N, C-alpha and C. Protein backbone atom coordinates (compact mmCIF):
# COMPACT_ATOMS: atom_id res chain seq x y z
N UNK A 1 0.86 -1.18 0.00
CA UNK A 1 0.00 0.00 0.00
C UNK A 1 0.90 1.23 0.00
N UNK A 2 0.67 2.12 -0.96
CA UNK A 2 1.44 3.36 -1.03
C UNK A 2 0.82 4.43 -0.14
N UNK A 3 1.53 5.55 -0.03
CA UNK A 3 1.06 6.65 0.82
C UNK A 3 -0.32 7.17 0.41
N UNK A 4 -0.60 7.41 -0.89
CA UNK A 4 -1.94 7.89 -1.26
C UNK A 4 -3.05 6.91 -0.86
N UNK A 5 -2.75 5.61 -0.98
CA UNK A 5 -3.74 4.61 -0.56
C UNK A 5 -3.95 4.64 0.94
N UNK A 6 -2.87 4.84 1.69
CA UNK A 6 -2.97 4.90 3.15
C UNK A 6 -3.81 6.10 3.59
N UNK A 7 -3.61 7.24 2.92
CA UNK A 7 -4.39 8.44 3.23
C UNK A 7 -5.86 8.20 2.93
N UNK A 8 -6.15 7.66 1.75
CA UNK A 8 -7.55 7.38 1.37
C UNK A 8 -8.19 6.41 2.36
N UNK A 9 -7.45 5.39 2.78
CA UNK A 9 -7.96 4.43 3.75
C UNK A 9 -8.24 5.11 5.10
N UNK A 10 -7.31 5.93 5.55
CA UNK A 10 -7.48 6.62 6.84
C UNK A 10 -8.69 7.56 6.80
N UNK A 11 -8.86 8.30 5.70
CA UNK A 11 -10.02 9.19 5.58
C UNK A 11 -11.31 8.39 5.55
N UNK A 12 -11.30 7.25 4.88
CA UNK A 12 -12.49 6.39 4.85
C UNK A 12 -12.88 5.91 6.23
N UNK A 13 -11.89 5.54 7.02
CA UNK A 13 -12.17 5.10 8.40
C UNK A 13 -12.66 6.27 9.24
N UNK A 14 -11.96 7.41 9.15
CA UNK A 14 -12.29 8.59 9.95
C UNK A 14 -13.72 9.07 9.67
N UNK A 15 -14.08 9.19 8.40
CA UNK A 15 -15.39 9.72 8.04
C UNK A 15 -16.46 8.63 7.99
N UNK A 16 -16.06 7.38 8.14
CA UNK A 16 -17.03 6.29 8.21
C UNK A 16 -17.28 5.85 9.64
N UNK A 17 -16.66 6.55 10.58
CA UNK A 17 -16.79 6.19 12.00
C UNK A 17 -18.16 6.57 12.54
N UNK A 18 -18.43 6.12 13.72
CA UNK A 18 -19.68 6.46 14.40
C UNK A 18 -19.77 7.94 14.77
N UNK A 19 -18.67 8.67 14.64
CA UNK A 19 -18.67 10.09 14.98
C UNK A 19 -19.11 10.97 13.81
N UNK A 20 -19.01 10.45 12.60
CA UNK A 20 -19.38 11.23 11.42
C UNK A 20 -20.90 11.27 11.26
N UNK A 21 -21.39 12.38 10.72
CA UNK A 21 -22.81 12.55 10.44
C UNK A 21 -22.99 12.75 8.94
N UNK A 22 -24.13 12.34 8.43
CA UNK A 22 -24.45 12.64 7.04
C UNK A 22 -25.11 14.01 7.02
N UNK A 23 -24.52 14.91 6.25
CA UNK A 23 -25.04 16.27 6.11
C UNK A 23 -25.26 16.55 4.63
N UNK A 24 -25.87 17.68 4.34
CA UNK A 24 -26.00 18.14 2.97
C UNK A 24 -25.21 19.43 2.85
N UNK A 25 -24.23 19.44 1.95
CA UNK A 25 -23.42 20.64 1.72
C UNK A 25 -23.67 21.07 0.29
N UNK A 26 -24.23 22.26 0.13
CA UNK A 26 -24.53 22.82 -1.20
C UNK A 26 -25.28 21.82 -2.06
N UNK A 27 -26.24 21.13 -1.45
CA UNK A 27 -27.10 20.21 -2.18
C UNK A 27 -26.58 18.79 -2.31
N UNK A 28 -25.37 18.51 -1.87
CA UNK A 28 -24.78 17.18 -1.97
C UNK A 28 -24.71 16.52 -0.59
N UNK A 29 -25.11 15.27 -0.51
CA UNK A 29 -25.05 14.51 0.73
C UNK A 29 -23.64 13.97 0.92
N UNK A 30 -23.02 14.32 2.08
CA UNK A 30 -21.65 13.90 2.38
C UNK A 30 -21.54 13.55 3.85
N UNK A 31 -20.41 12.94 4.23
CA UNK A 31 -20.10 12.68 5.64
C UNK A 31 -19.29 13.83 6.19
N UNK A 32 -19.55 14.17 7.45
CA UNK A 32 -18.82 15.25 8.10
C UNK A 32 -18.69 14.98 9.58
N UNK A 33 -17.65 15.51 10.15
CA UNK A 33 -17.51 15.53 11.60
C UNK A 33 -17.99 16.90 12.04
N UNK A 34 -18.89 16.95 13.00
CA UNK A 34 -19.51 18.21 13.42
C UNK A 34 -19.16 18.47 14.87
N UNK A 35 -18.57 19.64 15.14
CA UNK A 35 -18.27 20.09 16.50
C UNK A 35 -19.14 21.31 16.77
N UNK A 36 -20.15 21.13 17.61
CA UNK A 36 -21.08 22.22 17.91
C UNK A 36 -20.45 23.19 18.89
N UNK A 37 -20.73 24.49 18.72
CA UNK A 37 -20.19 25.54 19.57
C UNK A 37 -20.57 25.35 21.02
N UNK A 38 -19.60 25.58 21.89
CA UNK A 38 -19.85 25.51 23.32
C UNK A 38 -20.15 24.12 23.83
N UNK A 39 -19.83 23.09 23.06
CA UNK A 39 -20.09 21.73 23.49
C UNK A 39 -21.57 21.39 23.53
N UNK A 40 -22.37 22.22 22.87
CA UNK A 40 -23.82 22.02 22.87
C UNK A 40 -24.24 20.96 21.87
N UNK A 41 -25.49 20.57 21.95
CA UNK A 41 -26.05 19.72 20.92
C UNK A 41 -26.57 20.61 19.81
N UNK A 42 -26.90 20.03 18.68
CA UNK A 42 -27.33 20.85 17.55
C UNK A 42 -28.65 21.56 17.79
N UNK A 43 -29.43 21.17 18.80
CA UNK A 43 -30.71 21.82 19.02
C UNK A 43 -30.56 23.19 19.68
N UNK A 44 -29.44 23.42 20.37
CA UNK A 44 -29.26 24.71 21.04
C UNK A 44 -28.05 25.49 20.53
N UNK A 45 -27.15 24.84 19.84
CA UNK A 45 -25.95 25.53 19.36
C UNK A 45 -26.29 26.51 18.26
N UNK A 46 -25.60 27.63 18.25
CA UNK A 46 -25.77 28.62 17.19
C UNK A 46 -24.63 28.56 16.19
N UNK A 47 -23.50 28.00 16.62
CA UNK A 47 -22.34 27.88 15.74
C UNK A 47 -21.81 26.45 15.80
N UNK A 48 -21.06 26.10 14.78
CA UNK A 48 -20.41 24.79 14.72
C UNK A 48 -19.25 24.87 13.74
N UNK A 49 -18.43 23.86 13.77
CA UNK A 49 -17.37 23.70 12.78
C UNK A 49 -17.53 22.31 12.20
N UNK A 50 -17.59 22.23 10.88
CA UNK A 50 -17.67 20.93 10.23
C UNK A 50 -16.31 20.61 9.62
N UNK A 51 -15.95 19.34 9.66
CA UNK A 51 -14.74 18.88 8.98
C UNK A 51 -15.20 17.94 7.89
N UNK A 52 -14.80 18.24 6.67
CA UNK A 52 -15.22 17.48 5.50
C UNK A 52 -14.00 17.14 4.65
N UNK A 53 -14.14 16.13 3.81
CA UNK A 53 -13.05 15.76 2.91
C UNK A 53 -12.98 16.76 1.74
N UNK A 54 -11.77 17.09 1.34
CA UNK A 54 -11.57 17.98 0.20
C UNK A 54 -12.19 17.36 -1.06
N UNK A 55 -12.17 16.04 -1.14
CA UNK A 55 -12.76 15.38 -2.30
C UNK A 55 -14.28 15.55 -2.35
N UNK A 56 -14.91 15.84 -1.20
CA UNK A 56 -16.36 16.08 -1.16
C UNK A 56 -16.72 17.54 -1.36
N UNK A 57 -15.87 18.45 -0.87
CA UNK A 57 -16.10 19.90 -1.00
C UNK A 57 -14.80 20.51 -1.52
N UNK A 58 -14.76 20.75 -2.81
CA UNK A 58 -13.53 21.23 -3.44
C UNK A 58 -13.17 22.65 -3.03
N UNK A 59 -14.18 23.53 -2.97
CA UNK A 59 -13.91 24.95 -2.70
C UNK A 59 -15.02 25.54 -1.82
N UNK A 60 -14.91 25.35 -0.50
CA UNK A 60 -15.94 25.93 0.37
C UNK A 60 -15.93 27.45 0.29
N UNK A 61 -17.12 28.05 0.41
CA UNK A 61 -17.22 29.50 0.28
C UNK A 61 -18.23 30.06 1.28
N UNK A 62 -18.01 31.31 1.64
CA UNK A 62 -18.91 32.04 2.52
C UNK A 62 -20.34 31.93 2.01
N UNK A 63 -21.26 31.63 2.93
CA UNK A 63 -22.71 31.54 2.70
C UNK A 63 -23.14 30.25 2.00
N UNK A 64 -22.23 29.31 1.77
CA UNK A 64 -22.67 28.00 1.28
C UNK A 64 -23.68 27.44 2.28
N UNK A 65 -24.66 26.71 1.78
CA UNK A 65 -25.71 26.14 2.62
C UNK A 65 -25.31 24.76 3.11
N UNK A 66 -25.52 24.53 4.40
CA UNK A 66 -25.26 23.25 5.04
C UNK A 66 -26.52 22.86 5.79
N UNK A 67 -27.00 21.63 5.59
CA UNK A 67 -28.17 21.15 6.31
C UNK A 67 -27.74 19.98 7.18
N UNK A 68 -28.00 20.12 8.48
CA UNK A 68 -27.68 19.08 9.45
C UNK A 68 -28.95 18.76 10.22
N UNK A 69 -29.39 17.52 10.14
CA UNK A 69 -30.59 17.06 10.86
C UNK A 69 -31.78 17.98 10.61
N UNK A 70 -31.95 18.41 9.38
CA UNK A 70 -33.08 19.25 9.00
C UNK A 70 -32.92 20.73 9.30
N UNK A 71 -31.85 21.13 9.96
CA UNK A 71 -31.58 22.53 10.28
C UNK A 71 -30.65 23.13 9.23
N UNK A 72 -30.97 24.33 8.75
CA UNK A 72 -30.13 24.99 7.75
C UNK A 72 -29.11 25.89 8.44
N UNK A 73 -27.87 25.73 8.05
CA UNK A 73 -26.74 26.51 8.52
C UNK A 73 -26.10 27.16 7.30
N UNK A 74 -25.23 28.14 7.53
CA UNK A 74 -24.47 28.78 6.45
C UNK A 74 -23.00 28.86 6.85
N UNK A 75 -22.13 28.75 5.85
CA UNK A 75 -20.72 29.00 6.11
C UNK A 75 -20.62 30.43 6.60
N UNK A 76 -19.93 30.62 7.69
CA UNK A 76 -19.95 31.88 8.44
C UNK A 76 -18.61 32.60 8.36
N UNK A 77 -18.68 33.90 8.48
CA UNK A 77 -17.48 34.71 8.67
C UNK A 77 -17.83 35.89 9.56
N UNK A 78 -16.87 36.36 10.27
CA UNK A 78 -17.00 37.56 11.07
C UNK A 78 -16.97 38.74 10.11
N UNK A 79 -17.70 39.80 10.41
CA UNK A 79 -17.74 40.97 9.52
C UNK A 79 -16.35 41.56 9.27
N UNK A 80 -15.45 41.39 10.22
CA UNK A 80 -14.13 41.99 10.11
C UNK A 80 -13.14 41.11 9.34
N UNK A 81 -13.55 39.91 8.95
CA UNK A 81 -12.60 39.02 8.29
C UNK A 81 -13.29 38.09 7.31
N UNK A 82 -12.52 37.46 6.50
CA UNK A 82 -13.04 36.44 5.59
C UNK A 82 -13.41 35.20 6.40
N UNK A 83 -14.11 34.28 5.78
CA UNK A 83 -14.40 33.01 6.43
C UNK A 83 -13.07 32.36 6.79
N UNK A 84 -12.95 31.88 8.00
CA UNK A 84 -11.72 31.24 8.44
C UNK A 84 -11.87 29.74 8.18
N UNK A 85 -11.62 29.37 6.95
CA UNK A 85 -11.69 27.98 6.54
C UNK A 85 -10.26 27.47 6.48
N UNK A 86 -9.98 26.42 7.24
CA UNK A 86 -8.63 25.88 7.26
C UNK A 86 -8.63 24.48 6.65
N UNK A 87 -7.50 24.12 6.10
CA UNK A 87 -7.39 22.80 5.51
C UNK A 87 -5.96 22.31 5.49
N UNK A 88 -5.83 21.01 5.30
CA UNK A 88 -4.50 20.41 5.25
C UNK A 88 -4.24 19.71 3.92
N UNK A 89 -5.10 19.96 2.94
CA UNK A 89 -4.97 19.31 1.66
C UNK A 89 -5.84 18.06 1.53
N UNK A 90 -6.30 17.54 2.68
CA UNK A 90 -7.15 16.35 2.69
C UNK A 90 -8.53 16.65 3.26
N UNK A 91 -8.58 17.57 4.23
CA UNK A 91 -9.86 17.94 4.84
C UNK A 91 -9.94 19.45 4.99
N UNK A 92 -11.16 19.94 5.12
CA UNK A 92 -11.44 21.34 5.44
C UNK A 92 -12.10 21.39 6.80
N UNK A 93 -11.80 22.41 7.59
CA UNK A 93 -12.55 22.75 8.79
C UNK A 93 -13.26 24.06 8.46
N UNK A 94 -14.61 23.99 8.49
CA UNK A 94 -15.42 25.09 7.99
C UNK A 94 -16.35 25.59 9.10
N UNK A 95 -16.26 26.88 9.48
CA UNK A 95 -17.19 27.42 10.48
C UNK A 95 -18.56 27.63 9.87
N UNK A 96 -19.59 27.26 10.63
CA UNK A 96 -20.97 27.47 10.16
C UNK A 96 -21.79 28.09 11.29
N UNK A 97 -22.88 28.72 10.91
CA UNK A 97 -23.74 29.39 11.88
C UNK A 97 -25.19 29.27 11.42
N UNK A 98 -26.11 29.10 12.40
CA UNK A 98 -27.53 28.99 12.06
C UNK A 98 -28.11 30.31 11.63
N UNK A 99 -27.76 31.38 12.29
CA UNK A 99 -28.39 32.67 12.04
C UNK A 99 -27.32 33.75 12.11
N UNK A 100 -27.19 34.55 11.09
CA UNK A 100 -26.14 35.58 11.06
C UNK A 100 -26.60 36.92 11.60
N UNK A 101 -27.84 36.98 12.05
CA UNK A 101 -28.28 38.25 12.66
C UNK A 101 -27.53 38.48 13.96
N UNK A 102 -27.26 39.72 14.32
CA UNK A 102 -26.51 40.00 15.54
C UNK A 102 -27.23 39.48 16.78
N UNK A 103 -26.42 39.00 17.70
CA UNK A 103 -26.94 38.52 18.98
C UNK A 103 -26.57 39.56 20.04
N UNK A 104 -27.53 39.94 20.87
CA UNK A 104 -27.28 40.98 21.88
C UNK A 104 -27.27 40.39 23.29
N UNK A 105 -26.77 39.19 23.41
CA UNK A 105 -26.68 38.54 24.73
C UNK A 105 -25.43 38.94 25.43
């Protein structure tokens, strides 16, 4: 097994684990690891970060639509900066938010 095969195998295991969820990203059903803001569940969290395979999402962009368990989220950015999407060439970590209206809490 060569290095590319090992990477593909590792990603298959990682995203096929019991921790991955099936989500819809820009209309396509994919596997993702979801970390909800503040350690909350998706019913109360307002923000989250999804980790997806680059092969599933080639070019994530601000305001892309993400649907998780019937709830619509959007790729998020702070008004003062671009979307902080990070990647390592194999996966993306993408910030998402349910509602972009200002919160006064």
